[in-house]
Amino acid sequence: MPSLRRNPIEILARLGYGARGVVYGLVGGLALLAAIGAGGQTAAAVTLCRRCCSSLLAKSGSG
């Protein structure tokens, strides 16, 4: 029977591997969507930043 208490380093390592798998899955999914052409329009980084910032300011009531 395995011990219920694990080394904290082992737990962090397992979480790291899990996070790595999630990232690879997300990137793979986005690559698949781009390959089949199922994406939206591309936007410039400045436009995206402005939209996000204005949205955040509107939600906070400061803008």
PDB file of N, CA and C in Angstrom:
ATOM      1  N   MET A   1       0.849  -1.181   0.000  1.00  0.00           N
ATOM      2  CA  MET A   1       0.000   0.000   0.000  1.00  0.00           C
ATOM      3  C   MET A   1       0.895   1.245   0.000  1.00  0.00           C
ATOM      4  N   PRO A   2       0.692   2.137  -0.967  1.00  0.00           N
ATOM      5  CA  PRO A   2       1.541   3.320  -1.027  1.00  0.00           C
ATOM      6  C   PRO A   2       1.221   4.292   0.111  1.00  0.00           C
ATOM      7  N   SER A   3       2.214   5.053   0.484  1.00  0.00           N
ATOM      8  CA  SER A   3       2.056   6.029   1.542  1.00  0.00           C
ATOM      9  C   SER A   3       1.143   7.161   1.074  1.00  0.00           C
ATOM     10  N   LEU A   4       0.289   7.627   1.975  1.00  0.00           N
ATOM     11  CA  LEU A   4      -0.615   8.714   1.620  1.00  0.00           C
ATOM     12  C   LEU A   4       0.091  10.067   1.637  1.00  0.00           C
ATOM     13  N   ARG A   5       1.167  10.169   2.392  1.00  0.00           N
ATOM     14  CA  ARG A   5       1.950  11.411   2.429  1.00  0.00           C
ATOM     15  C   ARG A   5       3.014  11.349   1.352  1.00  0.00           C
ATOM     16  N   ARG A   6       3.031  12.343   0.514  1.00  0.00           N
ATOM     17  CA  ARG A   6       4.016  12.395  -0.558  1.00  0.00           C
ATOM     18  C   ARG A   6       4.962  13.549  -0.305  1.00  0.00           C
ATOM     19  N   ASN A   7       6.075  13.446  -0.913  1.00  0.00           N
ATOM     20  CA  ASN A   7       7.064  14.503  -0.859  1.00  0.00           C
ATOM     21  C   ASN A   7       6.499  15.735  -1.567  1.00  0.00           C
ATOM     22  N   PRO A   8       6.591  16.930  -0.968  1.00  0.00           N
ATOM     23  CA  PRO A   8       6.065  18.135  -1.626  1.00  0.00           C
ATOM     24  C   PRO A   8       6.711  18.403  -2.988  1.00  0.00           C
ATOM     25  N   ILE A   9       7.972  18.028  -3.136  1.00  0.00           N
ATOM     26  CA  ILE A   9       8.643  18.216  -4.425  1.00  0.00           C
ATOM     27  C   ILE A   9       7.991  17.327  -5.482  1.00  0.00           C
ATOM     28  N   GLU A  10       7.632  16.110  -5.097  1.00  0.00           N
ATOM     29  CA  GLU A  10       6.977  15.197  -6.036  1.00  0.00           C
ATOM     30  C   GLU A  10       5.614  15.730  -6.445  1.00  0.00           C
ATOM     31  N   ILE A  11       4.890  16.305  -5.504  1.00  0.00           N
ATOM     32  CA  ILE A  11       3.572  16.867  -5.810  1.00  0.00           C
ATOM     33  C   ILE A  11       3.719  18.033  -6.795  1.00  0.00           C
ATOM     34  N   LEU A  12       4.689  18.908  -6.528  1.00  0.00           N
ATOM     35  CA  LEU A  12       4.913  20.036  -7.444  1.00  0.00           C
ATOM     36  C   LEU A  12       5.342  19.559  -8.826  1.00  0.00           C
ATOM     37  N   ALA A  13       6.149  18.519  -8.864  1.00  0.00           N
ATOM     38  CA  ALA A  13       6.585  17.979 -10.152  1.00  0.00           C
ATOM     39  C   ALA A  13       5.399  17.422 -10.932  1.00  0.00           C
ATOM     40  N   ARG A  14       4.528  16.715 -10.238  1.00  0.00           N
ATOM     41  CA  ARG A  14       3.345  16.167 -10.917  1.00  0.00           C
ATOM     42  C   ARG A  14       2.423  17.277 -11.415  1.00  0.00           C
ATOM     43  N   LEU A  15       2.257  18.320 -10.617  1.00  0.00           N
ATOM     44  CA  LEU A  15       1.448  19.460 -11.055  1.00  0.00           C
ATOM     45  C   LEU A  15       2.076  20.145 -12.266  1.00  0.00           C
ATOM     46  N   GLY A  16       3.391  20.228 -12.267  1.00  0.00           N
ATOM     47  CA  GLY A  16       4.089  20.827 -13.405  1.00  0.00           C
ATOM     48  C   GLY A  16       3.882  20.035 -14.684  1.00  0.00           C
ATOM     49  N   TYR A  17       3.967  18.709 -14.568  1.00  0.00           N
ATOM     50  CA  TYR A  17       3.729  17.873 -15.740  1.00  0.00           C
ATOM     51  C   TYR A  17       2.280  18.007 -16.218  1.00  0.00           C
ATOM     52  N   GLY A  18       1.360  18.109 -15.279  1.00  0.00           N
ATOM     53  CA  GLY A  18      -0.040  18.300 -15.660  1.00  0.00           C
ATOM     54  C   GLY A  18      -0.264  19.620 -16.370  1.00  0.00           C
ATOM     55  N   ALA A  19       0.338  20.687 -15.837  1.00  0.00           N
ATOM     56  CA  ALA A  19       0.211  22.007 -16.474  1.00  0.00           C
ATOM     57  C   ALA A  19       0.835  22.000 -17.854  1.00  0.00           C
ATOM     58  N   ARG A  20       1.962  21.309 -17.980  1.00  0.00           N
ATOM     59  CA  ARG A  20       2.617  21.214 -19.285  1.00  0.00           C
ATOM     60  C   ARG A  20       1.701  20.510 -20.294  1.00  0.00           C
ATOM     61  N   GLY A  21       1.033  19.464 -19.847  1.00  0.00           N
ATOM     62  CA  GLY A  21       0.105  18.748 -20.718  1.00  0.00           C
ATOM     63  C   GLY A  21      -1.055  19.624 -21.155  1.00  0.00           C
ATOM     64  N   VAL A  22      -1.569  20.428 -20.227  1.00  0.00           N
ATOM     65  CA  VAL A  22      -2.671  21.333 -20.566  1.00  0.00           C
ATOM     66  C   VAL A  22      -2.225  22.354 -21.608  1.00  0.00           C
ATOM     67  N   VAL A  23      -1.042  22.909 -21.424  1.00  0.00           N
ATOM     68  CA  VAL A  23      -0.526  23.897 -22.379  1.00  0.00           C
ATOM     69  C   VAL A  23      -0.351  23.270 -23.757  1.00  0.00           C
ATOM     70  N   TYR A  24       0.252  22.070 -23.789  1.00  0.00           N
ATOM     71  CA  TYR A  24       0.426  21.392 -25.078  1.00  0.00           C
ATOM     72  C   TYR A  24      -0.929  21.104 -25.735  1.00  0.00           C
ATOM     73  N   GLY A  25      -1.904  20.724 -24.938  1.00  0.00           N
ATOM     74  CA  GLY A  25      -3.231  20.458 -25.479  1.00  0.00           C
ATOM     75  C   GLY A  25      -3.873  21.708 -26.063  1.00  0.00           C
ATOM     76  N   LEU A  26      -3.750  22.826 -25.344  1.00  0.00           N
ATOM     77  CA  LEU A  26      -4.328  24.076 -25.840  1.00  0.00           C
ATOM     78  C   LEU A  26      -3.644  24.547 -27.120  1.00  0.00           C
ATOM     79  N   VAL A  27      -2.331  24.486 -27.132  1.00  0.00           N
ATOM     80  CA  VAL A  27      -1.595  24.907 -28.333  1.00  0.00           C
ATOM     81  C   VAL A  27      -1.927  23.995 -29.510  1.00  0.00           C
ATOM     82  N   GLY A  28      -2.014  22.710 -29.255  1.00  0.00           N
ATOM     83  CA  GLY A  28      -2.377  21.772 -30.308  1.00  0.00           C
ATOM     84  C   GLY A  28      -3.774  22.024 -30.849  1.00  0.00           C
ATOM     85  N   GLY A  29      -4.700  22.317 -29.947  1.00  0.00           N
ATOM     86  CA  GLY A  29      -6.064  22.630 -30.378  1.00  0.00           C
ATOM     87  C   GLY A  29      -6.133  23.891 -31.211  1.00  0.00           C
ATOM     88  N   LEU A  30      -5.401  24.913 -30.788  1.00  0.00           N
ATOM     89  CA  LEU A  30      -5.370  26.157 -31.569  1.00  0.00           C
ATOM     90  C   LEU A  30      -4.712  25.941 -32.927  1.00  0.00           C
ATOM     91  N   ALA A  31      -3.663  25.128 -32.951  1.00  0.00           N
ATOM     92  CA  ALA A  31      -3.005  24.833 -34.227  1.00  0.00           C
ATOM     93  C   ALA A  31      -3.945  24.077 -35.154  1.00  0.00           C
ATOM     94  N   LEU A  32      -4.709  23.161 -34.600  1.00  0.00           N
ATOM     95  CA  LEU A  32      -5.679  22.410 -35.405  1.00  0.00           C
ATOM     96  C   LEU A  32      -6.750  23.343 -35.965  1.00  0.00           C
ATOM     97  N   LEU A  33      -7.258  24.246 -35.131  1.00  0.00           N
ATOM     98  CA  LEU A  33      -8.258  25.200 -35.605  1.00  0.00           C
ATOM     99  C   LEU A  33      -7.684  26.103 -36.697  1.00  0.00           C
ATOM    100  N   ALA A  34      -6.451  26.520 -36.532  1.00  0.00           N
ATOM    101  CA  ALA A  34      -5.823  27.358 -37.562  1.00  0.00           C
ATOM    102  C   ALA A  34      -5.620  26.570 -38.850  1.00  0.00           C
ATOM    103  N   ALA A  35      -5.290  25.292 -38.727  1.00  0.00           N
ATOM    104  CA  ALA A  35      -5.042  24.473 -39.910  1.00  0.00           C
ATOM    105  C   ALA A  35      -6.313  24.246 -40.727  1.00  0.00           C
ATOM    106  N   ILE A  36      -7.455  24.115 -40.053  1.00  0.00           N
ATOM    107  CA  ILE A  36      -8.696  23.875 -40.783  1.00  0.00           C
ATOM    108  C   ILE A  36      -9.419  25.172 -41.114  1.00  0.00           C
ATOM    109  N   GLY A  37      -8.845  26.290 -40.686  1.00  0.00           N
ATOM    110  CA  GLY A  37      -9.418  27.589 -41.034  1.00  0.00           C
ATOM    111  C   GLY A  37     -10.614  27.979 -40.205  1.00  0.00           C
ATOM    112  N   ALA A  38     -10.755  27.415 -39.035  1.00  0.00           N
ATOM    113  CA  ALA A  38     -11.895  27.720 -38.179  1.00  0.00           C
ATOM    114  C   ALA A  38     -11.515  28.763 -37.137  1.00  0.00           C
ATOM    115  N   GLY A  39     -11.017  29.882 -37.598  1.00  0.00           N
ATOM    116  CA  GLY A  39     -10.628  30.943 -36.678  1.00  0.00           C
ATOM    117  C   GLY A  39     -11.317  32.229 -37.040  1.00  0.00           C
ATOM    118  N   GLY A  40     -11.225  33.177 -36.148  1.00  0.00           N
ATOM    119  CA  GLY A  40     -11.802  34.488 -36.406  1.00  0.00           C
ATOM    120  C   GLY A  40     -10.825  35.375 -37.144  1.00  0.00           C
ATOM    121  N   GLN A  41     -11.158  36.624 -37.189  1.00  0.00           N
ATOM    122  CA  GLN A  41     -10.288  37.584 -37.836  1.00  0.00           C
ATOM    123  C   GLN A  41      -9.085  37.858 -36.944  1.00  0.00           C
ATOM    124  N   THR A  42      -7.991  38.197 -37.561  1.00  0.00           N
ATOM    125  CA  THR A  42      -6.816  38.571 -36.785  1.00  0.00           C
ATOM    126  C   THR A  42      -6.889  40.059 -36.474  1.00  0.00           C
ATOM    127  N   ALA A  43      -6.370  40.427 -35.347  1.00  0.00           N
ATOM    128  CA  ALA A  43      -6.365  41.825 -34.939  1.00  0.00           C
ATOM    129  C   ALA A  43      -4.951  42.216 -34.549  1.00  0.00           C
ATOM    130  N   ALA A  44      -4.658  43.459 -34.724  1.00  0.00           N
ATOM    131  CA  ALA A  44      -3.347  43.954 -34.330  1.00  0.00           C
ATOM    132  C   ALA A  44      -3.244  43.927 -32.811  1.00  0.00           C
ATOM    133  N   ALA A  45      -2.043  43.783 -32.309  1.00  0.00           N
ATOM    134  CA  ALA A  45      -1.831  43.706 -30.865  1.00  0.00           C
ATOM    135  C   ALA A  45      -2.300  44.974 -30.163  1.00  0.00           C
ATOM    136  N   VAL A  46      -2.111  46.109 -30.797  1.00  0.00           N
ATOM    137  CA  VAL A  46      -2.521  47.376 -30.183  1.00  0.00           C
ATOM    138  C   VAL A  46      -4.036  47.426 -30.049  1.00  0.00           C
ATOM    139  N   THR A  47      -4.750  46.999 -31.073  1.00  0.00           N
ATOM    140  CA  THR A  47      -6.211  46.990 -31.036  1.00  0.00           C
ATOM    141  C   THR A  47      -6.706  46.059 -29.942  1.00  0.00           C
ATOM    142  N   LEU A  48      -6.103  44.904 -29.844  1.00  0.00           N
ATOM    143  CA  LEU A  48      -6.494  43.951 -28.823  1.00  0.00           C
ATOM    144  C   LEU A  48      -6.248  44.518 -27.434  1.00  0.00           C
ATOM    145  N   CYS A  49      -5.113  45.151 -27.233  1.00  0.00           N
ATOM    146  CA  CYS A  49      -4.781  45.748 -25.940  1.00  0.00           C
ATOM    147  C   CYS A  49      -5.781  46.848 -25.581  1.00  0.00           C
ATOM    148  N   ARG A  50      -6.132  47.670 -26.553  1.00  0.00           N
ATOM    149  CA  ARG A  50      -7.098  48.746 -26.291  1.00  0.00           C
ATOM    150  C   ARG A  50      -8.454  48.182 -25.899  1.00  0.00           C
ATOM    151  N   ARG A  51      -8.889  47.138 -26.595  1.00  0.00           N
ATOM    152  CA  ARG A  51     -10.183  46.542 -26.280  1.00  0.00           C
ATOM    153  C   ARG A  51     -10.191  45.950 -24.878  1.00  0.00           C
ATOM    154  N   CYS A  52      -9.131  45.237 -24.538  1.00  0.00           N
ATOM    155  CA  CYS A  52      -9.055  44.625 -23.210  1.00  0.00           C
ATOM    156  C   CYS A  52      -9.008  45.677 -22.117  1.00  0.00           C
ATOM    157  N   CYS A  53      -8.198  46.699 -22.319  1.00  0.00           N
ATOM    158  CA  CYS A  53      -8.062  47.747 -21.306  1.00  0.00           C
ATOM    159  C   CYS A  53      -9.368  48.514 -21.133  1.00  0.00           C
ATOM    160  N   SER A  54     -10.020  48.840 -22.225  1.00  0.00           N
ATOM    161  CA  SER A  54     -11.277  49.579 -22.114  1.00  0.00           C
ATOM    162  C   SER A  54     -12.356  48.718 -21.468  1.00  0.00           C
ATOM    163  N   SER A  55     -12.333  47.431 -21.738  1.00  0.00           N
ATOM    164  CA  SER A  55     -13.289  46.530 -21.119  1.00  0.00           C
ATOM    165  C   SER A  55     -13.054  46.438 -19.620  1.00  0.00           C
ATOM    166  N   LEU A  56     -11.789  46.332 -19.218  1.00  0.00           N
ATOM    167  CA  LEU A  56     -11.468  46.254 -17.796  1.00  0.00           C
ATOM    168  C   LEU A  56     -11.818  47.549 -17.071  1.00  0.00           C
ATOM    169  N   LEU A  57     -11.546  48.683 -17.711  1.00  0.00           N
ATOM    170  CA  LEU A  57     -11.870  49.966 -17.090  1.00  0.00           C
ATOM    171  C   LEU A  57     -13.377  50.152 -16.971  1.00  0.00           C
ATOM    172  N   ALA A  58     -14.113  49.700 -17.970  1.00  0.00           N
ATOM    173  CA  ALA A  58     -15.568  49.823 -17.914  1.00  0.00           C
ATOM    174  C   ALA A  58     -16.147  48.965 -16.800  1.00  0.00           C
ATOM    175  N   LYS A  59     -15.584  47.767 -16.593  1.00  0.00           N
ATOM    176  CA  LYS A  59     -16.069  46.894 -15.525  1.00  0.00           C
ATOM    177  C   LYS A  59     -15.745  47.434 -14.146  1.00  0.00           C
ATOM    178  N   SER A  60     -14.610  48.130 -14.018  1.00  0.00           N
ATOM    179  CA  SER A  60     -14.204  48.637 -12.719  1.00  0.00           C
ATOM    180  C   SER A  60     -14.897  49.974 -12.400  1.00  0.00           C
ATOM    181  N   GLY A  61     -15.517  50.587 -13.385  1.00  0.00           N
ATOM    182  CA  GLY A  61     -16.203  51.840 -13.180  1.00  0.00           C
ATOM    183  C   GLY A  61     -15.297  53.047 -13.231  1.00  0.00           C
ATOM    184  N   SER A  62     -14.055  52.861 -13.671  1.00  0.00           N
ATOM    185  CA  SER A  62     -13.101  53.965 -13.723  1.00  0.00           C
ATOM    186  C   SER A  62     -13.075  54.653 -15.079  1.00  0.00           C
ATOM    187  N   GLY A  63     -13.767  54.136 -16.025  1.00  0.00           N
ATOM    188  CA  GLY A  63     -13.635  54.705 -17.376  1.00  0.00           C
ATOM    189  C   GLY A  63     -14.927  55.075 -17.886  1.00  0.00           C
TER     190      GLY A  63
END
